[in-house]
Every structure is written in C-alpha cells, then in structure tokens.
Amino acid sequence: MEEFKKYLVLRGSIYRMFALIFYKEPAEKDFARLKKYLPVFGELARGYENDEISAGIAFLDAFFSEYGEEEAVSVCGRHFTEIFLSTGLSLGKKSVVPQESVYLSPEHLSMQEPRDQVLEEYYKCGIGKESGFSEPEDHVSAELYFSAWLGDKLSDELGNGDGSQAEKTGVQLMDFTKKHLIRWVPAMCSDVERISPDKYYKGVALVARGFLRTDEHICGEAVGCKKSV
C-alpha cells in the first residue's frame, strides 16, 4: 500500500500536467515539466507493455530534438490555437472541443447532461468552479484536476489509516474514471493525434491516452475495482 500511496502522488502531478497541456499554450517551463516525466512514462510503458505510451515518447523525443525551446514554444502556441481554439477552422482544418458534452451528448453540443453530471460530482465534494476558469465544468482540464484531487484525497486517507473513508474515495475515483474520463478522453486524444500538425501534440495525445488506460488498471487493482471494457 505504501507503493500505491507514492503512485497516487505521482499520478496527481501527471494529471495536473496534462490538464495544463490541454488548457493553454505551452511555455518553456511546461516543456521542462513534461521532459522530467518522460523516464517515468518509459518505465510504465515497459512495465505494462503500453505501446501507446512508447509511441508517444518517440514523437516527443523527435520533436524536442528538432526544435529549440523558443522555437518549440512558438510552434506549439500556434498549433494549440488551431487544434483547441478553432482558429484552424478558418484555415479549412479540423479542431477539437475538449468537453465531455461534445463527445457524449446526442447532439454533440456544449453544456449538455454530461456537464451537469460532472458538476454534481464536484458539488458532492464541496468543490466549486475557480473564478479564473472560463471553460465549462466538463472540460478535460477540469475533469483531470478533479481526478487528481480525488487521488490526493485517497493518498491522505490511506496515510492517516482511515480505511473506511479511503475505500469510499477509492470507489468514487474509479466511478469517475469509468463513467467520465475513460468514456471520452481517449477519443479526444485520438482526435488530437489525428489532426495535430506537429509531433508534440501527437506525442502528448498518445502518452495521455496510454497513461489514462494504465492508470485505470493500476488504481482499479489497488482499490479492488475491475477495469472497464
């Protein structure tokens, strides 16, 4: 259980990193943070035979070898707006709307029932929307932050010996993963991988998708929940 507690701390940092990547254009410090975790992703890819993570690392290594940091910031900033802020539509390109409602609602529109469902999950935990966050509550960044928060809470409860509450939080974490994250974020990552004009976002999408699936396995095993099909 000590190893799982350590993993939850690492997991929280990784989820928050991906939340930022999918929320705003990168700065040099964001590249440095991602590079720091590449060896960790490499270990997970080997340990869990995750080809998606391995492929993503290869794209990222190639990207960072090709560009200096200043040029990389410029390239990725431009491509972020094309992929996520719909500026690519004016250039005849596809874009991604990283919201659960857009992926799962019948109409594929923003602010639908999936948003209401995740908002209810936040309120159950006494979490409200930050004043500076302008996206809907079912934006991928908000959901990743919430999942990271649940993992941190679980780690604290395990550390405090609060087994009963830890069990409840573990179930809540896996329920949120199965009912929300795993149902649409892999599909979003696939879209980002497909339309990205550079190796950076292709690599990020592959690593994020692979890590989400590996994380579901790790957490599910630890809290006694079966992996979703």
Protein backbone atom coordinates (compact mmCIF):
# COMPACT_ATOMS: atom_id res chain seq x y z
CA MET A 1 0.00 0.00 0.00
CA GLU A 2 2.97 2.35 0.55
CA GLU A 3 3.87 2.00 -3.11
CA PHE A 4 0.32 2.83 -4.13
CA LYS A 5 0.33 5.96 -1.95
CA LYS A 6 3.53 7.09 -3.67
CA TYR A 7 1.97 6.33 -7.02
CA LEU A 8 -1.08 8.46 -6.21
CA VAL A 9 1.15 11.46 -5.50
CA LEU A 10 2.94 10.94 -8.83
CA ARG A 11 -0.39 10.41 -10.56
CA GLY A 12 -1.73 13.71 -9.27
CA SER A 13 1.24 15.60 -10.67
CA ILE A 14 0.89 13.90 -14.04
CA TYR A 15 -2.86 14.53 -14.28
CA ARG A 16 -2.36 18.20 -13.45
CA MET A 17 0.37 18.43 -16.07
CA PHE A 18 -1.93 17.05 -18.77
CA ALA A 19 -4.71 19.35 -17.56
CA LEU A 20 -2.47 22.35 -18.27
CA ILE A 21 -1.31 20.98 -21.61
CA PHE A 22 -4.90 20.68 -22.84
CA TYR A 23 -5.89 24.08 -21.40
CA LYS A 24 -3.39 26.62 -22.69
CA GLU A 25 -0.43 27.21 -24.97
CA PRO A 26 2.83 25.85 -23.55
CA ALA A 27 5.69 27.83 -22.08
CA GLU A 28 9.29 26.65 -21.76
CA LYS A 29 8.66 25.56 -18.16
CA ASP A 30 5.86 23.29 -19.39
CA PHE A 31 8.27 21.53 -21.74
CA ALA A 32 10.72 21.10 -18.87
CA ARG A 33 8.00 19.54 -16.71
CA LEU A 34 7.00 17.10 -19.44
CA LYS A 35 10.61 16.10 -20.11
CA LYS A 36 11.03 15.35 -16.40
CA TYR A 37 8.28 12.76 -16.59
CA LEU A 38 9.36 11.06 -19.83
CA PRO A 39 11.53 8.48 -17.96
CA VAL A 40 8.53 7.71 -15.72
CA PHE A 41 6.33 7.16 -18.76
CA GLY A 42 9.04 4.97 -20.24
CA GLU A 43 9.02 2.75 -17.15
CA LEU A 44 5.23 2.49 -17.27
CA ALA A 45 5.31 1.65 -20.97
CA ARG A 46 7.76 -1.18 -20.36
CA GLY A 47 6.15 -2.42 -17.15
CA TYR A 48 2.64 -2.54 -18.59
CA GLU A 49 3.57 -3.20 -22.23
CA ASN A 50 1.83 0.00 -23.30
CA ASP A 51 2.64 0.67 -26.95
CA GLU A 52 0.69 3.94 -26.97
CA ILE A 53 2.96 5.49 -24.36
CA SER A 54 6.06 4.20 -26.17
CA ALA A 55 4.88 5.67 -29.48
CA GLY A 56 4.09 8.97 -27.81
CA ILE A 57 7.53 9.18 -26.22
CA ALA A 58 9.11 8.60 -29.63
CA PHE A 59 7.14 11.52 -31.10
CA LEU A 60 8.11 13.78 -28.20
CA ASP A 61 11.78 12.84 -28.37
CA ALA A 62 11.77 13.61 -32.09
CA PHE A 63 10.03 16.94 -31.52
CA PHE A 64 12.43 18.10 -28.81
CA SER A 65 15.39 17.04 -30.96
CA GLU A 66 14.07 19.05 -33.90
CA TYR A 67 13.27 22.34 -32.16
CA GLY A 68 14.98 24.61 -29.68
CA GLU A 69 12.83 25.65 -26.73
CA GLU A 70 12.00 29.14 -28.00
CA GLU A 71 11.01 27.86 -31.44
CA ALA A 72 9.07 24.99 -29.87
CA VAL A 73 7.00 27.45 -27.83
CA SER A 74 6.13 29.39 -30.97
CA VAL A 75 5.23 26.31 -33.00
CA CYS A 76 3.11 24.74 -30.27
CA GLY A 77 1.39 28.01 -29.40
CA ARG A 78 0.22 28.37 -32.98
CA HIS A 79 -0.88 24.75 -33.21
CA PHE A 80 -2.68 24.86 -29.87
CA THR A 81 -4.96 27.60 -31.15
CA GLU A 82 -5.59 25.64 -34.34
CA ILE A 83 -6.38 22.39 -32.51
CA PHE A 84 -8.27 23.60 -29.45
CA LEU A 85 -9.43 27.16 -30.09
CA SER A 86 -10.92 26.54 -33.55
CA THR A 87 -8.70 29.00 -35.39
CA GLY A 88 -7.84 26.10 -37.65
CA LEU A 89 -11.41 26.10 -38.94
CA SER A 90 -10.74 29.35 -40.80
CA LEU A 91 -7.85 27.56 -42.50
CA GLY A 92 -10.06 24.66 -43.53
CA LYS A 93 -8.73 22.38 -40.78
CA LYS A 94 -10.48 20.33 -38.11
CA SER A 95 -10.41 21.26 -34.44
CA VAL A 96 -11.11 19.59 -31.11
CA VAL A 97 -13.58 20.76 -28.48
CA PRO A 98 -12.27 19.07 -25.30
CA GLN A 99 -15.57 18.84 -23.45
CA GLU A 100 -17.38 15.68 -22.39
CA SER A 101 -20.75 17.01 -23.55
CA VAL A 102 -19.46 17.48 -27.08
CA TYR A 103 -18.25 13.88 -27.19
CA LEU A 104 -21.04 12.09 -25.34
CA SER A 105 -24.28 14.04 -25.75
CA PRO A 106 -26.58 13.00 -28.63
CA GLU A 107 -26.38 16.49 -30.12
CA HIS A 108 -22.59 16.77 -29.62
CA LEU A 109 -23.10 20.21 -28.14
CA SER A 110 -21.54 22.04 -25.21
CA MET A 111 -23.23 22.35 -21.78
CA GLN A 112 -25.37 19.21 -22.03
CA GLU A 113 -26.21 16.47 -19.50
CA PRO A 114 -22.61 15.19 -19.07
CA ARG A 115 -21.63 18.64 -17.83
CA ASP A 116 -24.44 18.55 -15.27
CA GLN A 117 -23.31 15.10 -14.13
CA VAL A 118 -19.69 16.10 -13.51
CA LEU A 119 -20.82 19.32 -11.84
CA GLU A 120 -22.84 17.22 -9.39
CA GLU A 121 -19.71 15.16 -8.65
CA TYR A 122 -17.78 18.33 -7.86
CA TYR A 123 -20.51 19.66 -5.59
CA LYS A 124 -20.65 16.38 -3.67
CA CYS A 125 -17.05 17.03 -2.70
CA GLY A 126 -17.62 20.70 -1.94
CA ILE A 127 -15.63 21.83 -4.97
CA GLY A 128 -16.77 24.84 -6.96
CA LYS A 129 -15.53 26.39 -10.16
CA GLU A 130 -12.47 28.61 -9.87
CA SER A 131 -13.19 32.22 -10.80
CA GLY A 132 -10.40 32.31 -13.37
CA PHE A 133 -11.52 29.16 -15.18
CA SER A 134 -13.64 30.19 -18.16
CA GLU A 135 -14.33 26.75 -19.68
CA PRO A 136 -17.35 24.52 -18.92
CA GLU A 137 -17.09 22.19 -15.95
CA ASP A 138 -16.78 19.14 -18.20
CA HIS A 139 -13.69 20.50 -19.96
CA VAL A 140 -10.94 17.89 -19.96
CA SER A 141 -8.73 20.07 -17.76
CA ALA A 142 -11.40 20.39 -15.05
CA GLU A 143 -12.05 16.65 -15.06
CA LEU A 144 -8.34 15.80 -14.88
CA TYR A 145 -7.86 18.22 -11.99
CA PHE A 146 -10.78 16.68 -10.15
CA SER A 147 -9.47 13.16 -10.65
CA ALA A 148 -6.06 14.31 -9.37
CA TRP A 149 -7.79 15.82 -6.32
CA LEU A 150 -9.58 12.53 -5.62
CA GLY A 151 -6.28 10.67 -5.84
CA ASP A 152 -4.63 13.10 -3.44
CA LYS A 153 -7.54 12.67 -1.04
CA LEU A 154 -7.24 8.90 -1.25
CA SER A 155 -3.49 9.09 -0.57
CA ASP A 156 -4.06 11.24 2.52
CA GLU A 157 -6.73 8.88 3.86
CA LEU A 158 -4.50 5.85 3.35
CA GLY A 159 -1.69 7.69 5.12
CA ASN A 160 -3.95 8.56 8.04
CA GLY A 161 -5.15 4.96 8.40
CA ASP A 162 -8.73 5.95 7.59
CA GLY A 163 -9.55 2.69 5.83
CA SER A 164 -13.32 3.14 5.70
CA GLN A 165 -13.17 6.57 4.09
CA ALA A 166 -10.30 5.52 1.83
CA GLU A 167 -12.43 2.69 0.50
CA LYS A 168 -15.25 5.12 -0.33
CA THR A 169 -12.86 7.56 -2.01
CA GLY A 170 -11.27 4.75 -4.00
CA VAL A 171 -14.67 3.67 -5.30
CA GLN A 172 -15.52 7.30 -6.13
CA LEU A 173 -12.25 7.69 -8.00
CA MET A 174 -12.87 4.60 -10.10
CA ASP A 175 -16.51 5.52 -10.71
CA PHE A 176 -15.44 8.91 -12.04
CA THR A 177 -12.81 7.29 -14.24
CA LYS A 178 -15.24 4.73 -15.67
CA LYS A 179 -18.32 6.97 -16.01
CA HIS A 180 -16.48 10.01 -17.33
CA LEU A 181 -12.78 10.09 -18.18
CA ILE A 182 -12.36 6.72 -19.83
CA ARG A 183 -15.56 7.14 -21.85
CA TRP A 184 -14.41 10.15 -23.82
CA VAL A 185 -10.86 11.36 -23.13
CA PRO A 186 -9.21 8.54 -25.15
CA ALA A 187 -11.41 9.51 -28.11
CA MET A 188 -10.43 13.15 -27.67
CA CYS A 189 -6.75 12.17 -27.58
CA SER A 190 -7.24 10.16 -30.78
CA ASP A 191 -8.68 13.23 -32.47
CA VAL A 192 -5.76 15.37 -31.29
CA GLU A 193 -3.30 12.76 -32.54
CA ARG A 194 -5.02 12.58 -35.92
CA ILE A 195 -5.27 16.29 -36.68
CA SER A 196 -2.12 17.59 -34.97
CA PRO A 197 0.32 19.14 -37.46
CA ASP A 198 3.31 18.54 -35.18
CA LYS A 199 4.94 15.71 -33.25
CA TYR A 200 4.43 17.44 -29.90
CA TYR A 201 0.66 17.18 -29.70
CA LYS A 202 0.69 13.77 -31.39
CA GLY A 203 3.10 12.59 -28.70
CA VAL A 204 1.18 14.21 -25.85
CA ALA A 205 -2.09 12.69 -27.06
CA LEU A 206 -0.61 9.19 -27.27
CA VAL A 207 1.08 9.38 -23.88
CA ALA A 208 -2.02 10.83 -22.22
CA ARG A 209 -4.28 8.16 -23.72
CA GLY A 210 -1.90 5.39 -22.77
CA PHE A 211 -1.37 6.72 -19.27
CA LEU A 212 -5.11 7.07 -18.64
CA ARG A 213 -5.66 3.43 -19.51
CA THR A 214 -2.67 2.25 -17.47
CA ASP A 215 -3.80 4.39 -14.54
CA GLU A 216 -7.25 2.85 -14.68
CA HIS A 217 -5.62 -0.56 -14.37
CA ILE A 218 -3.28 0.42 -11.52
CA CYS A 219 -5.96 2.17 -9.45
CA GLY A 220 -8.57 -0.47 -10.20
CA GLU A 221 -6.27 -3.24 -8.98
CA ALA A 222 -5.39 -1.30 -5.83
CA VAL A 223 -8.95 -0.46 -4.81
CA GLY A 224 -10.47 -3.74 -5.98
CA CYS A 225 -12.37 -2.44 -8.98
CA LYS A 226 -12.38 -4.25 -12.32
CA LYS A 227 -11.16 -2.48 -15.42
CA SER A 228 -13.86 -1.16 -17.72
CA VAL A 229 -14.36 -2.93 -21.04
